[in-house]
Amino acid sequence: MKIKFRALLTMCGDPVENGELIIDGGNIVEISTTQSGNDDVDLSDCLLMPGFVNAHCHLSLTALEKKLSPSDSFADWIRALIPLNSALDNESRIRGIRAGAEVMKRSGVTALGDYVAEPELLPVIGELGFRSVLFLETIGFQSQKALALCKNLEEVLQRECVSPLYQLGLAPHAPYSVSPDLFRRLAQLAEQYHCPLSCHVAEIKEESRFLVIGDNSLEELLKERSAWDPEWQPPYKTPMQYLSSLEILDRLIAVHCNFVSDDLDIMEEKKVSTVFCPKSTAWFGRTQFMPVRALLDRGMNVALGTDSLASNDSLNFLDELRTADKLLPDVSRQEILTMATSGGAEALGLQCGTLASGQKADLIGFRVSPSYSGLWWDVPFEPHRCEVDFYSVDGEPDALFPLSRPKA
């Protein structure tokens, strides 16, 4: 298939103008700087770029849209979340998953890192058409339960039929909800089954106090859930120091990382990938959040994610870009787009996020005016854009987008 374009952002080089993209078998074969005139798809009025990678999401919580409000206490927010989530019936949950997926597609998400707490939802989410890593989210603070939990997870890893578009990962929920023994066992499973490993880390100040000084705010929450381990002792370490002591940072995708400014040396040494969730950060009204500029200056990989509709008012990824632009005045739009594409692909270990020979043909397009003369990096940030005009995963144009129909 040949696609004629007005401009193309490869995310691994300079923009290319008035060229042709050649795709075969779902892979990019060549990016030509000339146009042959016999293209299968004429997008000569479009900017093309790699599809967005939503590196952290909880699609199974989509049906909770507008049912929760931010709280001054993170523990209180969790207290409100748990019964609402438990009350969801299967039909509502699946309907929410599919609705959320469509919003993400329409806003340009072609690849996904999703936390899945219920293994029976894996086929539902895996068949949505994203190139994805589905992380089996695991909670277990009582050490005596670690072995049984990991046996159950290993059964899922062994039996789950993974498609060419998705693979499985493991997600210990957070340092305050996962025992040290369970962390170690999950890391061993991840290594054995070659799984990516992801975790919410340093999201809230209560987590840091819980680990550093044994603050009891999260202890009370765990006791309410009959999940407290009376044998547990605080490690007197920051979240990153704690996870480093458990020897799992080397392969970790760390989500949120709002309180890590004192741990940048450890993160750089271990080459930790991080995921920044702009709209969730804004939804909670957080004034201290991931030090993105400092991480980028150290050459570290940063990705973008939406989090869930329990802590966001939309899964529209174009809104995430614009919110990141507001929250990160010292980060350029080119860098934000890199986070949204190749940064997410690198974090998740996916062969997408850039457009180059040999890469997967996961791409999106934005129609632009014939007179457009601005920077190509600015196009996705334009406030009037609610969705993309072209969408393709694995070289297959999606039926949601009429522009993607090949020429007759």
Protein backbone atom coordinates (compact mmCIF):
# COMPACT_ATOMS: atom_id res chain seq x y z
CA MET A 1 0.00 0.00 0.00
CA LYS A 2 1.19 3.49 -0.88
CA ILE A 3 0.00 6.56 1.03
CA LYS A 4 0.60 10.06 -0.30
CA PHE A 5 1.00 12.68 2.45
CA ARG A 6 1.41 16.43 2.87
CA ALA A 7 3.80 16.04 5.82
CA LEU A 8 5.03 13.23 8.04
CA LEU A 9 6.47 13.25 11.57
CA THR A 10 8.67 10.19 11.89
CA MET A 11 9.51 10.90 15.58
CA CYS A 12 13.04 9.75 14.79
CA GLY A 13 14.14 12.54 12.45
CA ASP A 14 13.06 15.74 10.79
CA PRO A 15 9.56 16.16 9.32
CA VAL A 16 9.17 14.97 5.73
CA GLU A 17 6.99 16.97 3.34
CA ASN A 18 5.10 15.96 0.18
CA GLY A 19 6.18 12.35 0.15
CA GLU A 20 4.90 8.81 0.04
CA LEU A 21 4.71 6.07 2.66
CA ILE A 22 5.05 2.51 1.39
CA ILE A 23 3.62 -0.28 3.57
CA ASP A 24 3.68 -4.05 3.08
CA GLY A 25 2.50 -6.79 5.43
CA GLY A 26 1.77 -4.32 8.21
CA ASN A 27 5.32 -2.94 8.15
CA ILE A 28 6.78 0.26 6.77
CA VAL A 29 8.97 -0.52 3.78
CA GLU A 30 10.03 2.96 2.73
CA ILE A 31 9.40 6.64 3.26
CA SER A 32 9.87 8.37 -0.08
CA THR A 33 10.43 12.10 -0.48
CA THR A 34 8.73 12.00 -3.86
CA GLN A 35 5.22 11.03 -4.96
CA SER A 36 4.72 8.45 -7.70
CA GLY A 37 1.15 9.43 -8.58
CA ASN A 38 -0.28 5.91 -8.28
CA ASP A 39 -1.02 5.91 -4.56
CA ASP A 40 -3.60 3.60 -2.98
CA VAL A 41 -4.56 6.22 -0.38
CA ASP A 42 -4.35 9.94 -1.13
CA LEU A 43 -3.71 11.85 2.10
CA SER A 44 -1.97 14.74 0.42
CA ASP A 45 -3.94 17.12 2.65
CA CYS A 46 -2.85 15.40 5.88
CA LEU A 47 -0.07 15.42 8.43
CA LEU A 48 0.79 11.81 9.27
CA MET A 49 2.58 10.63 12.41
CA PRO A 50 2.89 7.50 14.58
CA GLY A 51 -0.24 6.62 16.54
CA PHE A 52 -0.29 7.64 20.18
CA VAL A 53 0.72 5.16 22.87
CA ASN A 54 -1.46 5.36 25.99
CA ALA A 55 1.08 3.81 28.33
CA HIS A 56 -1.17 3.65 31.40
CA CYS A 57 -4.90 3.11 31.55
CA HIS A 58 -7.58 1.20 33.46
CA LEU A 59 -10.20 0.61 30.77
CA SER A 60 -12.24 -1.61 33.07
CA LEU A 61 -13.07 1.46 35.20
CA THR A 62 -14.53 3.42 32.28
CA ALA A 63 -18.11 2.78 33.43
CA LEU A 64 -17.34 4.85 36.55
CA GLU A 65 -17.28 8.04 34.46
CA LYS A 66 -18.48 11.05 36.52
CA LYS A 67 -19.27 8.87 39.54
CA LEU A 68 -16.29 10.03 41.61
CA SER A 69 -14.93 13.39 42.70
CA PRO A 70 -11.43 14.37 43.80
CA SER A 71 -10.80 14.16 47.54
CA ASP A 72 -8.25 15.82 49.77
CA SER A 73 -7.54 12.34 51.12
CA PHE A 74 -6.36 9.72 48.65
CA ALA A 75 -7.52 7.02 51.07
CA ASP A 76 -11.01 8.51 51.03
CA TRP A 77 -10.99 8.47 47.22
CA ILE A 78 -10.11 4.76 47.33
CA ARG A 79 -12.87 4.19 49.91
CA ALA A 80 -15.35 5.72 47.47
CA LEU A 81 -13.94 3.86 44.46
CA ILE A 82 -14.01 0.31 45.83
CA PRO A 83 -17.78 -0.10 46.39
CA LEU A 84 -18.66 1.65 43.12
CA ASN A 85 -16.31 -0.63 41.20
CA SER A 86 -17.57 -3.74 43.01
CA ALA A 87 -21.17 -2.84 42.17
CA LEU A 88 -20.57 -2.73 38.42
CA ASP A 89 -22.22 -5.59 36.55
CA ASN A 90 -20.32 -7.33 33.78
CA GLU A 91 -22.45 -5.90 30.99
CA SER A 92 -21.92 -2.31 32.15
CA ARG A 93 -18.20 -2.88 32.56
CA ILE A 94 -17.78 -4.30 29.06
CA ARG A 95 -19.95 -1.58 27.53
CA GLY A 96 -17.74 1.00 29.27
CA ILE A 97 -14.58 -0.70 28.03
CA ARG A 98 -15.76 -0.55 24.43
CA ALA A 99 -16.94 3.05 24.72
CA GLY A 100 -13.61 4.10 26.22
CA ALA A 101 -11.73 2.29 23.48
CA GLU A 102 -13.63 4.18 20.79
CA VAL A 103 -12.83 7.54 22.41
CA MET A 104 -9.16 6.60 22.50
CA LYS A 105 -9.18 5.44 18.89
CA ARG A 106 -10.90 8.58 17.67
CA SER A 107 -8.26 10.65 19.45
CA GLY A 108 -5.39 8.71 17.87
CA VAL A 109 -4.40 5.99 20.35
CA THR A 110 -3.10 2.96 18.47
CA ALA A 111 -1.19 1.28 21.32
CA LEU A 112 -2.12 0.69 24.93
CA GLY A 113 -0.76 -0.33 28.30
CA ASP A 114 -3.80 -1.35 30.35
CA TYR A 115 -4.14 -2.61 33.93
CA VAL A 116 -6.54 -5.57 34.08
CA ALA A 117 -7.66 -6.77 37.50
CA GLU A 118 -10.05 -9.45 36.21
CA PRO A 119 -8.36 -12.02 33.89
CA GLU A 120 -11.71 -12.83 32.27
CA LEU A 121 -11.58 -9.35 30.69
CA LEU A 122 -8.32 -10.06 28.86
CA PRO A 123 -10.00 -11.31 25.64
CA VAL A 124 -12.42 -8.37 25.67
CA ILE A 125 -9.66 -5.77 25.90
CA GLY A 126 -7.23 -7.73 23.76
CA GLU A 127 -9.68 -7.78 20.86
CA LEU A 128 -10.24 -4.01 20.76
CA GLY A 129 -7.67 -3.58 17.99
CA PHE A 130 -4.89 -1.80 19.87
CA ARG A 131 -1.29 -2.95 19.87
CA SER A 132 -1.12 -3.52 23.59
CA VAL A 133 0.39 -4.83 26.79
CA LEU A 134 -2.29 -6.01 29.23
CA PHE A 135 -0.90 -5.88 32.76
CA LEU A 136 -2.39 -8.31 35.27
CA GLU A 137 -2.99 -5.95 38.19
CA THR A 138 -2.21 -7.58 41.53
CA ILE A 139 -2.93 -6.49 45.10
CA GLY A 140 -1.78 -8.44 48.17
CA PHE A 141 -0.20 -6.86 51.23
CA GLN A 142 -0.26 -10.00 53.36
CA SER A 143 2.93 -11.97 52.75
CA GLN A 144 1.32 -15.35 53.38
CA LYS A 145 -0.87 -14.86 50.31
CA ALA A 146 1.98 -14.14 47.90
CA LEU A 147 2.59 -17.72 46.78
CA ALA A 148 -1.08 -18.46 46.04
CA LEU A 149 -1.51 -15.19 44.15
CA CYS A 150 1.51 -15.91 41.98
CA LYS A 151 0.36 -19.46 41.25
CA ASN A 152 -2.94 -18.07 39.98
CA LEU A 153 -1.13 -15.50 37.85
CA GLU A 154 1.19 -18.13 36.41
CA GLU A 155 -1.83 -20.18 35.36
CA VAL A 156 -3.14 -17.14 33.46
CA LEU A 157 0.25 -16.56 31.84
CA GLN A 158 0.37 -20.21 30.76
CA ARG A 159 -3.15 -20.53 29.39
CA GLU A 160 -3.89 -17.13 27.92
CA CYS A 161 -3.90 -17.20 24.14
CA VAL A 162 -2.07 -14.02 23.21
CA SER A 163 -2.76 -12.50 19.80
CA PRO A 164 -0.19 -10.89 17.50
CA LEU A 165 -1.40 -7.49 18.71
CA TYR A 166 -1.27 -8.00 22.48
CA GLN A 167 0.92 -9.52 25.13
CA LEU A 168 0.68 -9.86 28.90
CA GLY A 169 2.51 -7.98 31.61
CA LEU A 170 2.43 -7.93 35.41
CA ALA A 171 1.40 -4.99 37.57
CA PRO A 172 2.00 -5.05 41.32
CA HIS A 173 -0.45 -2.27 42.23
CA ALA A 174 1.67 -0.07 44.54
CA PRO A 175 4.25 -0.26 47.36
CA TYR A 176 1.49 0.25 49.95
CA SER A 177 -0.71 -2.57 48.61
CA VAL A 178 1.82 -5.28 47.69
CA SER A 179 4.00 -7.19 50.15
CA PRO A 180 7.78 -7.39 49.70
CA ASP A 181 7.49 -11.14 49.08
CA LEU A 182 4.82 -10.62 46.41
CA PHE A 183 6.95 -7.95 44.71
CA ARG A 184 9.89 -10.37 44.52
CA ARG A 185 7.78 -13.24 43.23
CA LEU A 186 6.15 -11.05 40.59
CA ALA A 187 9.57 -9.87 39.44
CA GLN A 188 10.66 -13.50 39.12
CA LEU A 189 7.54 -14.34 37.12
CA ALA A 190 8.12 -11.34 34.87
CA GLU A 191 11.64 -12.51 34.15
CA GLN A 192 10.57 -16.13 33.60
CA TYR A 193 7.78 -15.24 31.18
CA HIS A 194 9.54 -12.21 29.62
CA CYS A 195 6.77 -9.88 30.79
CA PRO A 196 6.91 -6.13 31.21
CA LEU A 197 6.45 -5.02 34.82
CA SER A 198 4.51 -1.87 35.77
CA CYS A 199 3.61 -0.27 39.11
CA HIS A 200 2.08 2.91 40.55
CA VAL A 201 5.03 4.48 42.38
CA ALA A 202 5.30 7.56 44.61
CA GLU A 203 1.87 8.71 43.53
CA ILE A 204 0.87 10.22 46.87
CA LYS A 205 2.72 11.76 49.80
CA GLU A 206 0.96 9.31 52.15
CA GLU A 207 2.80 6.48 50.38
CA SER A 208 6.17 8.08 51.08
CA ARG A 209 5.29 8.69 54.73
CA PHE A 210 3.99 5.10 55.03
CA LEU A 211 7.32 3.69 53.82
CA VAL A 212 9.70 6.22 55.36
CA ILE A 213 8.22 6.75 58.84
CA GLY A 214 5.41 4.22 59.12
CA ASP A 215 2.59 6.78 58.89
CA ASN A 216 -0.70 5.03 59.66
CA SER A 217 -3.09 6.64 57.14
CA LEU A 218 -2.73 3.79 54.65
CA GLU A 219 -2.43 1.25 57.46
CA GLU A 220 -5.96 2.15 58.52
CA LEU A 221 -7.23 1.67 54.98
CA LEU A 222 -5.59 -1.77 54.76
CA LYS A 223 -7.08 -2.77 58.09
CA GLU A 224 -10.54 -1.74 56.91
CA ARG A 225 -10.08 -4.03 53.91
CA SER A 226 -8.84 -6.90 56.14
CA ALA A 227 -5.60 -6.67 54.18
CA TRP A 228 -3.16 -5.50 56.85
CA ASP A 229 -0.13 -7.63 57.68
CA PRO A 230 0.75 -7.19 61.39
CA GLU A 231 4.26 -8.52 60.71
CA TRP A 232 5.03 -5.72 58.24
CA GLN A 233 7.66 -3.16 59.22
CA PRO A 234 8.35 0.09 57.38
CA PRO A 235 11.57 -0.08 55.35
CA TYR A 236 12.42 3.56 56.20
CA LYS A 237 13.10 4.17 52.53
CA THR A 238 11.49 6.28 49.82
CA PRO A 239 9.33 4.33 47.34
CA MET A 240 12.12 4.23 44.76
CA GLN A 241 14.74 3.25 47.34
CA TYR A 242 12.40 0.54 48.61
CA LEU A 243 11.77 -0.94 45.16
CA SER A 244 15.48 -0.76 44.41
CA SER A 245 16.17 -2.77 47.57
CA LEU A 246 13.77 -5.41 46.24
CA GLU A 247 15.79 -5.48 42.98
CA ILE A 248 12.88 -4.83 40.64
CA LEU A 249 13.69 -1.35 39.32
CA ASP A 250 15.76 -2.68 36.43
CA ARG A 251 12.66 -3.76 34.50
CA LEU A 252 10.03 -1.44 35.98
CA ILE A 253 7.62 0.96 34.25
CA ALA A 254 6.89 3.43 37.06
CA VAL A 255 3.56 5.27 36.84
CA HIS A 256 2.86 8.75 38.30
CA CYS A 257 6.15 9.30 40.24
CA ASN A 258 4.95 12.56 41.80
CA PHE A 259 7.39 12.39 44.71
CA VAL A 260 10.70 11.23 43.25
CA SER A 261 12.79 14.40 43.06
CA ASP A 262 15.28 13.01 45.60
CA ASP A 263 15.61 9.70 43.77
CA LEU A 264 16.58 10.76 40.26
CA ASP A 265 20.06 9.25 40.57
CA ILE A 266 18.61 5.82 41.38
CA MET A 267 16.09 6.09 38.56
CA GLU A 268 18.76 7.11 36.06
CA GLU A 269 21.09 4.31 37.16
CA LYS A 270 18.33 1.70 36.82
CA LYS A 271 17.00 3.25 33.58
CA VAL A 272 13.46 3.37 34.94
CA SER A 273 10.79 4.27 32.38
CA THR A 274 8.09 6.56 33.77
CA VAL A 275 4.51 7.35 32.74
CA PHE A 276 3.09 10.83 33.31
CA CYS A 277 -0.73 11.13 33.40
CA PRO A 278 -1.46 14.85 32.78
CA LYS A 279 -5.24 14.99 33.09
CA SER A 280 -5.35 12.71 36.12
CA THR A 281 -2.75 14.98 37.72
CA ALA A 282 -4.95 18.00 36.98
CA TRP A 283 -8.14 16.18 38.09
CA PHE A 284 -6.67 15.59 41.55
CA GLY A 285 -5.42 19.19 41.62
CA ARG A 286 -1.87 18.07 42.31
CA THR A 287 0.69 20.83 42.60
CA GLN A 288 3.63 18.45 43.00
CA PHE A 289 3.99 15.96 40.18
CA MET A 290 6.50 14.08 38.10
CA PRO A 291 9.65 16.18 37.42
CA VAL A 292 9.42 15.55 33.69
CA ARG A 293 11.97 18.19 32.66
CA ALA A 294 14.58 16.80 35.05
CA LEU A 295 13.99 13.25 33.81
CA LEU A 296 14.28 14.27 30.16
CA ASP A 297 17.45 16.24 30.87
CA ARG A 298 18.99 13.06 32.25
CA GLY A 299 18.11 11.23 29.03
CA MET A 300 15.44 9.11 30.71
CA ASN A 301 12.40 7.73 28.98
CA VAL A 302 9.04 9.34 29.81
CA ALA A 303 5.68 8.22 28.40
CA LEU A 304 2.12 9.55 28.63
CA GLY A 305 -1.04 7.87 29.95
CA THR A 306 -4.65 8.71 30.63
CA ASP A 307 -5.16 6.73 33.85
CA SER A 308 -8.88 5.90 34.26
CA LEU A 309 -12.24 7.63 34.27
CA ALA A 310 -12.23 7.20 38.04
CA SER A 311 -9.60 9.97 38.05
CA ASN A 312 -10.08 11.72 34.73
CA ASP A 313 -13.04 13.24 32.90
CA SER A 314 -12.08 11.91 29.46
CA LEU A 315 -9.94 9.33 27.69
CA ASN A 316 -9.39 11.67 24.73
CA PHE A 317 -5.63 11.59 24.15
CA LEU A 318 -5.56 14.92 22.33
CA ASP A 319 -6.81 16.45 25.57
CA GLU A 320 -3.90 14.75 27.36
CA LEU A 321 -1.45 16.43 24.97
CA ARG A 322 -2.96 19.86 25.58
CA THR A 323 -3.01 19.35 29.35
CA ALA A 324 0.63 18.23 29.30
CA ASP A 325 1.40 21.38 27.33
CA LYS A 326 -0.16 23.49 30.10
CA LEU A 327 1.37 21.61 33.02
CA LEU A 328 4.87 21.40 31.50
CA PRO A 329 5.78 24.89 30.23
CA ASP A 330 9.46 23.92 30.17
CA VAL A 331 8.85 20.90 27.89
CA SER A 332 8.52 21.50 24.15
CA ARG A 333 5.66 20.22 22.05
CA GLN A 334 8.08 18.07 20.11
CA GLU A 335 9.16 16.46 23.39
CA ILE A 336 5.54 15.92 24.46
CA LEU A 337 4.79 14.21 21.15
CA THR A 338 7.87 12.05 21.65
CA MET A 339 6.55 11.04 25.08
CA ALA A 340 3.16 10.28 23.49
CA THR A 341 4.64 8.03 20.79
CA SER A 342 8.14 6.59 20.95
CA GLY A 343 8.35 7.15 24.72
CA GLY A 344 5.32 4.95 25.31
CA ALA A 345 6.50 2.34 22.81
CA GLU A 346 9.90 2.14 24.50
CA ALA A 347 8.34 1.85 27.95
CA LEU A 348 6.03 -0.98 26.88
CA GLY A 349 8.56 -2.69 24.62
CA LEU A 350 6.39 -2.34 21.51
CA GLN A 351 7.61 -2.04 17.92
CA CYS A 352 5.77 1.16 17.16
CA GLY A 353 5.95 4.84 18.10
CA THR A 354 8.17 5.85 15.19
CA LEU A 355 7.75 5.73 11.43
CA ALA A 356 10.78 4.16 9.80
CA SER A 357 11.64 1.24 7.58
CA GLY A 358 10.93 -2.02 9.38
CA GLN A 359 8.63 -0.49 11.98
CA LYS A 360 4.97 -1.40 12.39
CA ALA A 361 2.60 0.74 10.33
CA ASP A 362 0.62 2.19 13.24
CA LEU A 363 -0.16 5.73 12.17
CA ILE A 364 -2.65 8.56 12.43
CA GLY A 365 -3.39 11.60 10.29
CA PHE A 366 -4.66 15.15 10.72
CA ARG A 367 -6.20 17.06 7.83
CA VAL A 368 -4.50 20.45 7.41
CA SER A 369 -5.33 23.53 5.38
CA PRO A 370 -3.54 23.91 2.01
CA SER A 371 -2.26 27.25 3.31
CA TYR A 372 -0.88 25.86 6.60
CA SER A 373 2.58 27.29 7.23
CA GLY A 374 3.13 26.70 10.94
CA LEU A 375 5.25 24.12 12.74
CA TRP A 376 4.11 20.57 12.09
CA TRP A 377 4.67 19.75 15.78
CA ASP A 378 1.87 22.17 16.69
CA VAL A 379 -0.90 20.52 14.66
CA PRO A 380 -2.02 17.89 17.24
CA PHE A 381 -2.22 20.61 19.92
CA GLU A 382 -4.65 22.82 18.03
CA PRO A 383 -7.65 23.41 20.33
CA HIS A 384 -10.31 22.61 17.72
CA ARG A 385 -9.09 19.06 17.19
CA CYS A 386 -11.21 16.46 18.99
CA GLU A 387 -10.25 13.47 16.85
CA VAL A 388 -7.90 12.33 14.14
CA ASP A 389 -8.84 12.09 10.46
CA PHE A 390 -6.92 8.91 9.64
CA TYR A 391 -6.17 5.85 11.76
CA SER A 392 -4.30 2.64 10.99
CA VAL A 393 -2.91 -0.23 13.06
CA ASP A 394 -0.68 -2.80 11.39
CA GLY A 395 -1.23 -1.06 8.05
CA GLU A 396 -4.99 -1.60 8.19
CA PRO A 397 -7.11 1.60 7.95
CA ASP A 398 -9.94 1.64 10.49
CA ALA A 399 -13.59 1.78 9.45
CA LEU A 400 -14.28 4.50 12.04
CA PHE A 401 -12.57 7.03 9.79
CA PRO A 402 -14.14 7.66 6.35
CA LEU A 403 -11.00 9.43 5.11
CA SER A 404 -9.10 6.17 5.45
CA ARG A 405 -10.97 4.55 2.55
CA PRO A 406 -8.58 3.79 -0.32
CA LYS A 407 -9.19 5.38 -3.71
CA ALA A 408 -11.61 3.57 -6.02
